[in-house]
């Protein structure tokens, strides 16, 4: 019988951040994310999400 790791739970990923209306920086990051997704570069998708969240914390 195999043992399950204790205290380890997989959860849902947080929702992707959305561009704030009227913010060109948010829009640019969102477009970069969608371009990365369209070419299958999910590492770049994740990076864009991080950048967008950080931008929103600073600017909004």
C-alpha atoms as a PDB file:
ATOM      1  CA  UNK A   1       0.000   0.000   0.000  1.00  0.00           C
ATOM      2  CA  UNK A   2       1.414   3.414  -0.947  1.00  0.00           C
ATOM      3  CA  UNK A   3       1.189   6.362   1.389  1.00  0.00           C
ATOM      4  CA  UNK A   4      -0.207   9.747   0.447  1.00  0.00           C
ATOM      5  CA  UNK A   5       1.854  12.823   1.370  1.00  0.00           C
ATOM      6  CA  UNK A   6       0.408  14.468   4.443  1.00  0.00           C
ATOM      7  CA  UNK A   7      -0.760  18.072   4.248  1.00  0.00           C
ATOM      8  CA  UNK A   8      -0.482  18.279   0.460  1.00  0.00           C
ATOM      9  CA  UNK A   9      -3.597  19.263  -1.459  1.00  0.00           C
ATOM     10  CA  UNK A  10      -3.960  20.249  -5.071  1.00  0.00           C
ATOM     11  CA  UNK A  11      -6.253  23.182  -5.533  1.00  0.00           C
ATOM     12  CA  UNK A  12      -7.654  25.098  -8.409  1.00  0.00           C
ATOM     13  CA  UNK A  13      -5.475  27.657 -10.104  1.00  0.00           C
ATOM     14  CA  UNK A  14      -6.382  31.265  -9.385  1.00  0.00           C
ATOM     15  CA  UNK A  15      -8.344  33.040 -12.081  1.00  0.00           C
ATOM     16  CA  UNK A  16      -6.258  34.920 -14.609  1.00  0.00           C
ATOM     17  CA  UNK A  17      -6.158  38.653 -14.007  1.00  0.00           C
ATOM     18  CA  UNK A  18      -8.117  40.865 -16.375  1.00  0.00           C
ATOM     19  CA  UNK A  19      -6.960  44.108 -17.901  1.00  0.00           C
ATOM     20  CA  UNK A  20      -8.187  47.215 -16.115  1.00  0.00           C
ATOM     21  CA  UNK A  21     -10.397  49.288 -18.431  1.00  0.00           C
ATOM     22  CA  UNK A  22      -8.468  52.077 -20.121  1.00  0.00           C
ATOM     23  CA  UNK A  23      -5.010  50.911 -19.002  1.00  0.00           C
ATOM     24  CA  UNK A  24      -2.642  50.459 -21.928  1.00  0.00           C
ATOM     25  CA  UNK A  25      -0.114  48.560 -19.778  1.00  0.00           C
ATOM     26  CA  UNK A  26      -2.757  46.038 -18.723  1.00  0.00           C
ATOM     27  CA  UNK A  27      -3.891  45.686 -22.309  1.00  0.00           C
ATOM     28  CA  UNK A  28      -0.345  45.126 -23.546  1.00  0.00           C
ATOM     29  CA  UNK A  29       0.290  42.412 -20.957  1.00  0.00           C
ATOM     30  CA  UNK A  30      -3.039  40.740 -21.773  1.00  0.00           C
ATOM     31  CA  UNK A  31      -2.234  40.729 -25.483  1.00  0.00           C
ATOM     32  CA  UNK A  32       1.218  39.265 -24.770  1.00  0.00           C
ATOM     33  CA  UNK A  33      -0.432  36.544 -22.692  1.00  0.00           C
ATOM     34  CA  UNK A  34      -2.878  35.648 -25.468  1.00  0.00           C
ATOM     35  CA  UNK A  35      -0.114  35.616 -28.073  1.00  0.00           C
ATOM     36  CA  UNK A  36       1.894  33.238 -25.869  1.00  0.00           C
ATOM     37  CA  UNK A  37      -1.160  31.014 -25.396  1.00  0.00           C
ATOM     38  CA  UNK A  38      -1.775  30.903 -29.160  1.00  0.00           C
ATOM     39  CA  UNK A  39       1.738  29.596 -29.778  1.00  0.00           C
ATOM     40  CA  UNK A  40       1.513  27.078 -26.919  1.00  0.00           C
ATOM     41  CA  UNK A  41       4.081  28.829 -24.698  1.00  0.00           C
ATOM     42  CA  UNK A  42       2.396  28.284 -21.342  1.00  0.00           C
ATOM     43  CA  UNK A  43       5.475  29.369 -19.409  1.00  0.00           C
ATOM     44  CA  UNK A  44       5.141  32.794 -21.042  1.00  0.00           C
ATOM     45  CA  UNK A  45       1.395  32.756 -20.251  1.00  0.00           C
ATOM     46  CA  UNK A  46       2.241  32.237 -16.589  1.00  0.00           C
ATOM     47  CA  UNK A  47       4.916  34.950 -16.714  1.00  0.00           C
ATOM     48  CA  UNK A  48       2.429  37.410 -18.230  1.00  0.00           C
ATOM     49  CA  UNK A  49      -0.081  36.613 -15.472  1.00  0.00           C
ATOM     50  CA  UNK A  50       2.558  37.335 -12.824  1.00  0.00           C
ATOM     51  CA  UNK A  51       3.544  40.587 -14.533  1.00  0.00           C
ATOM     52  CA  UNK A  52      -0.080  41.651 -14.871  1.00  0.00           C
ATOM     53  CA  UNK A  53      -0.807  40.958 -11.188  1.00  0.00           C
ATOM     54  CA  UNK A  54       2.309  42.874 -10.129  1.00  0.00           C
ATOM     55  CA  UNK A  55       1.419  45.793 -12.400  1.00  0.00           C
ATOM     56  CA  UNK A  56      -2.125  45.902 -10.988  1.00  0.00           C
ATOM     57  CA  UNK A  57      -0.836  45.903  -7.406  1.00  0.00           C
ATOM     58  CA  UNK A  58       1.440  48.869  -8.213  1.00  0.00           C
ATOM     59  CA  UNK A  59      -0.793  50.896 -10.506  1.00  0.00           C
ATOM     60  CA  UNK A  60      -4.407  50.187  -9.618  1.00  0.00           C
END
